[in-house]
Amino acid sequence: MKLESLERGKHAQITAVDWAAIAPEEGKRLRALGIDVGARIAIAHRGIFGGRDPIALLIGRMTIAVRRVHAAAMTVEPL
């Protein structure tokens, strides 16, 4: 399932990332923040307007915001 489809509060593990769908500089930033295959994440919040951007992700004790297009490039497996 794609990360953008994960329900709020559900925990998952990233199983694949389509790095070709993400701009190289944005991919570098996401990797530096710990988003890569094997990372355990959960959706904390979603934006409330329009495309529901951004999506707030919990990674360990850190909360980061990603765009919906980035979430669409990530495949996750619910835990």
N, C-alpha and C. Protein backbone atom coordinates (compact mmCIF):
# COMPACT_ATOMS: atom_id res chain seq x y z
N MET A 1 0.84 -1.17 0.00
CA MET A 1 0.00 0.00 0.00
C MET A 1 0.89 1.24 0.00
N LYS A 2 0.40 2.31 -0.57
CA LYS A 2 1.15 3.56 -0.61
C LYS A 2 0.99 4.31 0.73
N LEU A 3 2.01 5.02 1.11
CA LEU A 3 1.99 5.76 2.37
C LEU A 3 0.82 6.73 2.43
N GLU A 4 0.48 7.36 1.32
CA GLU A 4 -0.61 8.34 1.33
C GLU A 4 -1.95 7.70 1.68
N SER A 5 -2.07 6.37 1.55
CA SER A 5 -3.31 5.66 1.86
C SER A 5 -3.37 5.16 3.31
N LEU A 6 -2.27 5.25 4.02
CA LEU A 6 -2.23 4.77 5.40
C LEU A 6 -3.13 5.63 6.28
N GLU A 7 -3.88 4.97 7.17
CA GLU A 7 -4.77 5.70 8.07
C GLU A 7 -3.97 6.41 9.15
N ARG A 8 -4.51 7.53 9.61
CA ARG A 8 -3.87 8.30 10.67
C ARG A 8 -3.76 7.45 11.93
N GLY A 9 -2.57 7.48 12.55
CA GLY A 9 -2.34 6.75 13.78
C GLY A 9 -1.89 5.31 13.60
N LYS A 10 -2.00 4.76 12.40
CA LYS A 10 -1.55 3.39 12.14
C LYS A 10 -0.04 3.38 11.90
N HIS A 11 0.62 2.38 12.43
CA HIS A 11 2.06 2.25 12.26
C HIS A 11 2.37 1.37 11.06
N ALA A 12 3.47 1.68 10.38
CA ALA A 12 3.86 0.92 9.20
C ALA A 12 5.38 0.98 9.04
N GLN A 13 5.87 0.12 8.17
CA GLN A 13 7.29 0.11 7.83
C GLN A 13 7.42 0.38 6.34
N ILE A 14 8.35 1.23 5.98
CA ILE A 14 8.58 1.53 4.56
C ILE A 14 9.27 0.33 3.92
N THR A 15 8.67 -0.18 2.85
CA THR A 15 9.24 -1.35 2.16
C THR A 15 9.89 -0.98 0.83
N ALA A 16 9.53 0.17 0.25
CA ALA A 16 10.12 0.60 -1.01
C ALA A 16 9.90 2.10 -1.18
N VAL A 17 10.85 2.74 -1.85
CA VAL A 17 10.73 4.17 -2.17
C VAL A 17 11.11 4.33 -3.64
N ASP A 18 10.25 4.98 -4.42
CA ASP A 18 10.55 5.26 -5.83
C ASP A 18 11.31 6.57 -5.88
N TRP A 19 12.63 6.48 -5.68
CA TRP A 19 13.45 7.70 -5.62
C TRP A 19 13.45 8.45 -6.96
N ALA A 20 13.17 7.77 -8.07
CA ALA A 20 13.12 8.43 -9.37
C ALA A 20 11.95 9.40 -9.47
N ALA A 21 10.91 9.19 -8.65
CA ALA A 21 9.73 10.06 -8.66
C ALA A 21 9.91 11.30 -7.78
N ILE A 22 11.04 11.37 -7.08
CA ILE A 22 11.31 12.48 -6.16
C ILE A 22 12.54 13.21 -6.66
N ALA A 23 12.50 14.55 -6.66
CA ALA A 23 13.65 15.35 -7.08
C ALA A 23 14.87 14.97 -6.24
N PRO A 24 16.05 14.92 -6.85
CA PRO A 24 17.26 14.47 -6.13
C PRO A 24 17.53 15.24 -4.83
N GLU A 25 17.38 16.55 -4.84
CA GLU A 25 17.66 17.32 -3.61
C GLU A 25 16.62 17.03 -2.52
N GLU A 26 15.39 16.77 -2.92
CA GLU A 26 14.35 16.43 -1.95
C GLU A 26 14.58 15.02 -1.40
N GLY A 27 15.02 14.10 -2.26
CA GLY A 27 15.35 12.75 -1.83
C GLY A 27 16.49 12.74 -0.82
N LYS A 28 17.48 13.57 -1.07
CA LYS A 28 18.61 13.69 -0.14
C LYS A 28 18.13 14.17 1.23
N ARG A 29 17.23 15.15 1.24
CA ARG A 29 16.70 15.68 2.50
C ARG A 29 15.89 14.60 3.24
N LEU A 30 15.06 13.87 2.50
CA LEU A 30 14.24 12.83 3.12
C LEU A 30 15.11 11.72 3.73
N ARG A 31 16.16 11.32 3.01
CA ARG A 31 17.07 10.30 3.55
C ARG A 31 17.76 10.81 4.80
N ALA A 32 18.17 12.08 4.80
CA ALA A 32 18.83 12.66 5.98
C ALA A 32 17.90 12.68 7.20
N LEU A 33 16.60 12.74 6.95
CA LEU A 33 15.62 12.74 8.03
C LEU A 33 15.22 11.32 8.46
N GLY A 34 15.77 10.31 7.81
CA GLY A 34 15.52 8.93 8.20
C GLY A 34 14.46 8.21 7.39
N ILE A 35 13.99 8.83 6.32
CA ILE A 35 12.99 8.18 5.48
C ILE A 35 13.70 7.34 4.43
N ASP A 36 13.62 6.04 4.62
CA ASP A 36 14.21 5.09 3.68
C ASP A 36 13.63 3.72 3.98
N VAL A 37 13.96 2.75 3.18
CA VAL A 37 13.45 1.39 3.37
C VAL A 37 13.82 0.90 4.77
N GLY A 38 12.84 0.33 5.45
CA GLY A 38 13.06 -0.19 6.80
C GLY A 38 12.61 0.75 7.91
N ALA A 39 12.41 2.02 7.59
CA ALA A 39 11.99 2.98 8.62
C ALA A 39 10.57 2.68 9.08
N ARG A 40 10.36 2.77 10.38
CA ARG A 40 9.02 2.59 10.95
C ARG A 40 8.40 3.96 11.16
N ILE A 41 7.21 4.13 10.62
CA ILE A 41 6.57 5.44 10.62
C ILE A 41 5.10 5.32 11.02
N ALA A 42 4.50 6.47 11.26
CA ALA A 42 3.05 6.57 11.49
C ALA A 42 2.63 7.96 11.02
N ILE A 43 1.39 8.08 10.56
CA ILE A 43 0.87 9.39 10.16
C ILE A 43 0.27 10.05 11.39
N ALA A 44 0.79 11.24 11.72
CA ALA A 44 0.30 11.98 12.88
C ALA A 44 -0.87 12.88 12.49
N HIS A 45 -0.72 13.59 11.37
CA HIS A 45 -1.75 14.54 10.92
C HIS A 45 -1.70 14.66 9.41
N ARG A 46 -2.79 15.15 8.85
CA ARG A 46 -2.86 15.52 7.43
C ARG A 46 -3.32 16.96 7.34
N GLY A 47 -2.90 17.64 6.28
CA GLY A 47 -3.40 18.99 6.05
C GLY A 47 -4.91 18.97 5.86
N ILE A 48 -5.55 20.09 6.12
CA ILE A 48 -7.02 20.10 6.05
C ILE A 48 -7.58 20.74 4.79
N PHE A 49 -6.73 21.37 3.99
CA PHE A 49 -7.23 22.06 2.80
C PHE A 49 -6.81 21.35 1.53
N GLY A 50 -7.63 21.50 0.49
CA GLY A 50 -7.29 21.05 -0.86
C GLY A 50 -6.81 19.62 -0.93
N GLY A 51 -5.56 19.43 -1.31
CA GLY A 51 -4.99 18.10 -1.49
C GLY A 51 -4.54 17.43 -0.21
N ARG A 52 -4.89 18.02 0.93
CA ARG A 52 -4.54 17.48 2.24
C ARG A 52 -3.04 17.42 2.44
N ASP A 53 -2.35 18.42 1.93
CA ASP A 53 -0.91 18.57 2.12
C ASP A 53 -0.65 19.51 3.28
N PRO A 54 0.40 19.36 4.01
CA PRO A 54 1.35 18.25 4.03
C PRO A 54 0.85 17.12 4.92
N ILE A 55 1.61 16.04 4.93
CA ILE A 55 1.33 14.90 5.80
C ILE A 55 2.43 14.89 6.87
N ALA A 56 2.03 14.90 8.13
CA ALA A 56 3.00 14.86 9.24
C ALA A 56 3.27 13.41 9.61
N LEU A 57 4.53 13.02 9.53
CA LEU A 57 4.94 11.65 9.84
C LEU A 57 5.69 11.60 11.16
N LEU A 58 5.44 10.55 11.91
CA LEU A 58 6.21 10.27 13.11
C LEU A 58 7.26 9.24 12.77
N ILE A 59 8.51 9.57 13.03
CA ILE A 59 9.63 8.65 12.85
C ILE A 59 10.39 8.68 14.17
N GLY A 60 10.25 7.62 14.95
CA GLY A 60 10.83 7.63 16.29
C GLY A 60 10.18 8.73 17.11
N ARG A 61 10.98 9.62 17.67
CA ARG A 61 10.44 10.74 18.46
C ARG A 61 10.33 12.02 17.63
N MET A 62 10.58 11.93 16.35
CA MET A 62 10.61 13.09 15.47
C MET A 62 9.33 13.15 14.63
N THR A 63 8.82 14.35 14.41
CA THR A 63 7.70 14.58 13.51
C THR A 63 8.20 15.41 12.35
N ILE A 64 7.98 14.91 11.13
CA ILE A 64 8.39 15.66 9.94
C ILE A 64 7.21 15.76 8.98
N ALA A 65 7.24 16.77 8.14
CA ALA A 65 6.19 16.97 7.15
C ALA A 65 6.71 16.56 5.78
N VAL A 66 5.88 15.81 5.06
CA VAL A 66 6.21 15.43 3.68
C VAL A 66 5.04 15.82 2.79
N ARG A 67 5.34 16.06 1.54
CA ARG A 67 4.29 16.35 0.57
C ARG A 67 3.58 15.07 0.18
N ARG A 68 2.36 15.23 -0.27
CA ARG A 68 1.57 14.07 -0.69
C ARG A 68 2.24 13.34 -1.86
N VAL A 69 2.88 14.06 -2.76
CA VAL A 69 3.57 13.40 -3.89
C VAL A 69 4.73 12.54 -3.39
N HIS A 70 5.38 12.94 -2.30
CA HIS A 70 6.44 12.13 -1.73
C HIS A 70 5.84 10.86 -1.10
N ALA A 71 4.72 11.03 -0.40
CA ALA A 71 4.05 9.88 0.21
C ALA A 71 3.59 8.89 -0.85
N ALA A 72 3.20 9.39 -2.03
CA ALA A 72 2.76 8.51 -3.12
C ALA A 72 3.91 7.68 -3.68
N ALA A 73 5.16 8.12 -3.46
CA ALA A 73 6.32 7.39 -3.95
C ALA A 73 6.80 6.34 -2.97
N MET A 74 6.16 6.24 -1.80
CA MET A 74 6.60 5.31 -0.77
C MET A 74 5.58 4.18 -0.59
N THR A 75 6.09 2.96 -0.57
CA THR A 75 5.27 1.78 -0.32
C THR A 75 5.52 1.36 1.11
N VAL A 76 4.43 1.08 1.85
CA VAL A 76 4.55 0.69 3.25
C VAL A 76 3.81 -0.61 3.52
N GLU A 77 4.19 -1.26 4.59
CA GLU A 77 3.50 -2.46 5.07
C GLU A 77 3.03 -2.18 6.49
N PRO A 78 1.73 -2.23 6.73
CA PRO A 78 1.22 -1.97 8.09
C PRO A 78 1.82 -2.95 9.10
N LEU A 79 2.04 -2.45 10.30
CA LEU A 79 2.59 -3.29 11.38
C LEU A 79 1.48 -3.74 12.30
